[in-house]
């Protein structure tokens, strides 16, 4: 059975890069809003969520709390992606419950695939 990944980012270019890097290996749901992500979670439970740190509707921390509060979603691994790459940001992501942090922009699709495939 094909693994499902939700790629959640408000930038179409980032979603396109994720689809390019992972689309031959996984079923990718390209999602441009947190509202859409939570709506899709009602019918699909992904094997992994790639979540942009800075989404316009709510903070990433609030989105993670909402995910972890629901028993159907609490176990879904989340990798946070951001252009802000420093120790403080990585520590915040870990405290939110993220399993990994990936820096954007994604410049090497093979490296990105290798990082993601460790968790799916």
Protein backbone atom coordinates (compact mmCIF):
# COMPACT_ATOMS: atom_id res chain seq x y z
CA UNK A 1 0.00 0.00 0.00
CA UNK A 2 1.34 3.40 -0.99
CA UNK A 3 2.32 5.67 1.90
CA UNK A 4 0.52 9.02 2.13
CA UNK A 5 2.21 12.31 2.97
CA UNK A 6 0.47 15.61 3.59
CA UNK A 7 2.65 18.50 2.38
CA UNK A 8 1.28 21.64 4.04
CA UNK A 9 2.69 24.95 2.85
CA UNK A 10 1.16 28.25 1.74
CA UNK A 11 3.79 28.62 -1.01
CA UNK A 12 2.95 26.81 -4.25
CA UNK A 13 6.61 26.60 -5.23
CA UNK A 14 7.48 24.70 -2.04
CA UNK A 15 4.62 22.28 -2.66
CA UNK A 16 5.82 21.75 -6.23
CA UNK A 17 9.33 20.93 -5.02
CA UNK A 18 7.96 18.44 -2.48
CA UNK A 19 5.85 16.78 -5.19
CA UNK A 20 8.89 16.61 -7.50
CA UNK A 21 11.14 15.10 -4.81
CA UNK A 22 8.67 12.65 -3.30
CA UNK A 23 5.88 12.06 -5.81
CA UNK A 24 7.43 8.95 -7.37
CA UNK A 25 7.69 7.29 -3.95
CA UNK A 26 4.62 8.43 -2.00
CA UNK A 27 1.09 9.69 -2.54
CA UNK A 28 1.40 13.42 -1.84
CA UNK A 29 -1.53 15.56 -0.77
CA UNK A 30 -0.48 19.11 -1.57
CA UNK A 31 -2.29 21.34 0.93
CA UNK A 32 -2.03 25.13 1.04
CA UNK A 33 -3.84 25.88 4.30
CA UNK A 34 -4.21 24.46 7.79
CA UNK A 35 -7.98 24.57 7.40
CA UNK A 36 -7.69 22.28 4.39
CA UNK A 37 -5.29 19.99 6.28
CA UNK A 38 -7.71 19.54 9.17
CA UNK A 39 -10.57 19.00 6.71
CA UNK A 40 -8.62 16.27 4.87
CA UNK A 41 -7.69 14.64 8.17
CA UNK A 42 -11.37 13.81 8.60
CA UNK A 43 -11.16 11.29 5.76
CA UNK A 44 -7.44 10.50 5.31
CA UNK A 45 -4.87 9.65 7.95
CA UNK A 46 -1.44 10.26 6.44
CA UNK A 47 1.72 8.39 7.31
CA UNK A 48 3.54 11.70 7.70
CA UNK A 49 2.85 15.45 7.66
CA UNK A 50 5.38 17.92 6.26
CA UNK A 51 4.33 21.18 7.88
CA UNK A 52 5.55 24.70 7.12
CA UNK A 53 6.50 26.48 10.32
CA UNK A 54 4.87 29.77 9.32
CA UNK A 55 1.30 29.37 8.09
CA UNK A 56 -1.01 32.40 7.97
CA UNK A 57 -4.10 31.03 9.76
CA UNK A 58 -2.58 29.91 13.05
CA UNK A 59 0.79 29.31 14.59
CA UNK A 60 2.53 26.03 14.00
CA UNK A 61 2.44 25.45 17.75
CA UNK A 62 -1.36 25.82 17.79
CA UNK A 63 -1.68 23.47 14.80
CA UNK A 64 0.52 20.89 16.53
CA UNK A 65 -1.51 21.16 19.74
CA UNK A 66 -4.71 20.63 17.77
CA UNK A 67 -3.21 17.60 15.99
CA UNK A 68 -1.93 16.03 19.20
CA UNK A 69 -5.21 16.68 21.07
CA UNK A 70 -7.22 14.44 18.72
CA UNK A 71 -6.74 10.71 19.30
CA UNK A 72 -7.00 9.94 15.54
CA UNK A 73 -4.20 12.39 14.74
CA UNK A 74 -1.96 12.33 17.81
CA UNK A 75 0.30 9.57 16.48
CA UNK A 76 0.94 11.11 13.03
CA UNK A 77 4.61 12.04 12.73
CA UNK A 78 5.23 15.66 11.76
CA UNK A 79 8.32 17.12 10.13
CA UNK A 80 8.44 20.90 10.31
CA UNK A 81 9.99 22.81 7.42
CA UNK A 82 11.18 26.39 7.54
CA UNK A 83 13.59 28.87 6.04
CA UNK A 84 14.45 29.89 9.60
CA UNK A 85 17.20 27.51 10.55
CA UNK A 86 18.79 27.99 13.94
CA UNK A 87 19.12 26.10 17.20
CA UNK A 88 16.29 28.01 18.87
CA UNK A 89 13.84 27.22 16.05
CA UNK A 90 14.82 23.55 16.02
CA UNK A 91 14.37 23.35 19.81
CA UNK A 92 10.92 24.97 19.52
CA UNK A 93 9.93 22.43 16.86
CA UNK A 94 11.08 19.56 19.06
CA UNK A 95 9.11 20.98 21.99
CA UNK A 96 6.01 21.10 19.77
CA UNK A 97 6.37 17.38 19.12
CA UNK A 98 7.96 17.43 15.67
CA UNK A 99 10.08 14.39 14.85
CA UNK A 100 12.46 16.26 12.55
CA UNK A 101 13.21 19.69 11.10
CA UNK A 102 14.06 20.38 7.44
CA UNK A 103 15.47 23.67 6.25
CA UNK A 104 13.94 25.39 3.21
CA UNK A 105 14.40 26.03 0.41
CA UNK A 106 14.80 22.43 -0.62
CA UNK A 107 17.83 22.56 -2.89
CA UNK A 108 18.66 18.87 -3.20
CA UNK A 109 15.63 16.65 -3.95
CA UNK A 110 17.63 13.46 -3.32
CA UNK A 111 18.77 14.63 0.12
CA UNK A 112 15.22 15.76 0.92
CA UNK A 113 13.84 12.36 -0.10
CA UNK A 114 16.45 10.61 2.07
CA UNK A 115 15.58 12.78 5.09
CA UNK A 116 11.84 12.16 4.70
CA UNK A 117 12.13 8.44 3.91
CA UNK A 118 13.75 7.80 7.30
CA UNK A 119 10.42 8.67 8.95
CA UNK A 120 7.82 7.11 6.64
